[in-house]
Amino acid sequence: MTHVPVACTLGSADLGTQVARWRQLYADAGTERRETDDGVRVRFRRDAAGERELRELVAVESECCAWADWTVEADARQLLLAVTSTGDGIPVLHSLFLS
C-alpha cells in the first residue's frame, strides 16, 4: 500500500483562487453538507453553470489533492459531491465547506 501525503500541490495563489471558487459555489448552490465515516458528502442544486463549475473544481482537486477520491453524481434536480479518504485525510475532509 502506497502512502500518499495529505497535502495540496497548488501554489498559494492558485490555492486561494480554488478556495474562493469553492466558497462561491457552495454559497450559490450548496444545499446540504454531511460528514461520513470516510469523508464528506455535499449536495448542490443542479443547473448547467453550477455543474460545470463543480466538475471543473473536482478536476483540479483530483490532481492537486490525490490523497482523496472526488466523485460527482447527478440526477434531474441535484448534484452530489462525495469526497473520501483514509487516515489523516478524513479530518481534513471533515473541515471542508465549513464557513
Protein backbone atom coordinates (compact mmCIF):
# COMPACT_ATOMS: atom_id res chain seq x y z
CA MET A 1 0.00 0.00 0.00
CA THR A 2 1.45 3.37 -1.04
CA HIS A 3 1.19 6.24 1.42
CA VAL A 4 0.04 9.46 -0.21
CA PRO A 5 0.75 12.55 1.91
CA VAL A 6 -2.22 14.71 2.86
CA ALA A 7 -1.08 17.88 1.14
CA CYS A 8 -2.24 20.13 -1.67
CA THR A 9 0.18 20.68 -4.53
CA LEU A 10 -1.29 24.04 -5.63
CA GLY A 11 0.78 27.18 -5.13
CA SER A 12 -0.58 29.80 -2.73
CA ALA A 13 -2.19 31.98 -5.44
CA ASP A 14 -3.87 29.03 -7.15
CA LEU A 15 -4.96 27.63 -3.79
CA GLY A 16 -6.55 30.96 -2.87
CA THR A 17 -8.42 31.05 -6.17
CA GLN A 18 -9.60 27.45 -5.73
CA VAL A 19 -10.84 28.11 -2.19
CA ALA A 20 -12.71 31.23 -3.34
CA ARG A 21 -14.36 29.29 -6.17
CA TRP A 22 -15.48 26.53 -3.78
CA ARG A 23 -16.90 29.07 -1.32
CA GLN A 24 -18.79 30.86 -4.08
CA LEU A 25 -20.23 27.63 -5.49
CA TYR A 26 -21.37 26.46 -2.06
CA ALA A 27 -22.88 29.89 -1.28
CA ASP A 28 -24.72 29.92 -4.62
CA ALA A 29 -25.88 26.32 -4.87
CA GLY A 30 -24.95 24.28 -1.79
CA THR A 31 -27.95 22.71 -0.06
CA GLU A 32 -26.56 20.12 2.34
CA ARG A 33 -23.24 19.08 3.85
CA ARG A 34 -22.85 15.81 5.75
CA GLU A 35 -19.79 14.21 7.28
CA THR A 36 -19.33 10.49 6.69
CA ASP A 37 -17.03 7.96 8.32
CA ASP A 38 -14.53 8.42 5.49
CA GLY A 39 -15.11 11.98 4.34
CA VAL A 40 -17.90 14.33 3.34
CA ARG A 41 -20.94 14.44 1.04
CA VAL A 42 -22.20 17.75 -0.27
CA ARG A 43 -25.38 18.40 -2.25
CA PHE A 44 -25.81 21.23 -4.73
CA ARG A 45 -28.78 22.48 -6.73
CA ARG A 46 -28.31 21.42 -10.32
CA ASP A 47 -28.02 23.91 -13.15
CA ALA A 48 -25.68 23.99 -16.13
CA ALA A 49 -23.32 26.67 -14.81
CA GLY A 50 -23.12 25.15 -11.33
CA GLU A 51 -22.49 21.68 -12.68
CA ARG A 52 -19.75 22.93 -14.98
CA GLU A 53 -18.09 24.79 -12.09
CA LEU A 54 -18.36 21.77 -9.77
CA ARG A 55 -16.83 19.43 -12.33
CA GLU A 56 -14.01 21.91 -13.07
CA LEU A 57 -13.26 22.25 -9.36
CA VAL A 58 -13.25 18.48 -8.88
CA ALA A 59 -10.89 18.05 -11.84
CA VAL A 60 -8.39 20.40 -10.17
CA GLU A 61 -8.83 18.72 -6.77
CA SER A 62 -8.30 15.27 -8.24
CA GLU A 63 -4.87 16.41 -9.42
CA CYS A 64 -3.72 18.58 -6.52
CA CYS A 65 -5.21 16.54 -3.69
CA ALA A 66 -4.67 12.98 -4.89
CA TRP A 67 -4.90 11.71 -1.30
CA ALA A 68 -8.71 11.96 -1.61
CA ASP A 69 -11.23 10.45 -4.03
CA TRP A 70 -13.58 13.03 -5.58
CA THR A 71 -16.79 11.91 -7.31
CA VAL A 72 -19.82 13.75 -8.65
CA GLU A 73 -23.21 12.15 -9.24
CA ALA A 74 -26.15 13.95 -10.83
CA ASP A 75 -29.87 13.47 -11.05
CA ALA A 76 -32.52 15.77 -12.52
CA ARG A 77 -32.52 18.17 -9.57
CA GLN A 78 -29.25 17.95 -7.72
CA LEU A 79 -25.55 17.18 -7.77
CA LEU A 80 -23.89 15.08 -5.11
CA LEU A 81 -20.21 15.51 -4.38
CA ALA A 82 -18.66 12.67 -2.40
CA VAL A 83 -15.11 13.09 -1.15
CA THR A 84 -13.45 10.21 0.67
CA SER A 85 -10.06 9.40 2.11
CA THR A 86 -8.36 7.35 4.80
CA GLY A 87 -6.30 8.07 7.89
CA ASP A 88 -5.19 11.69 8.28
CA GLY A 89 -7.20 12.72 5.22
CA ILE A 90 -10.57 12.16 6.91
CA PRO A 91 -10.39 15.07 9.41
CA VAL A 92 -9.16 17.34 6.61
CA LEU A 93 -12.24 16.44 4.57
CA HIS A 94 -14.46 16.97 7.61
CA SER A 95 -13.26 20.60 7.66
CA LEU A 96 -14.41 21.27 4.08
CA PHE A 97 -17.36 23.59 3.46
CA LEU A 98 -17.40 24.98 6.98
CA SER A 99 -17.90 28.74 6.56
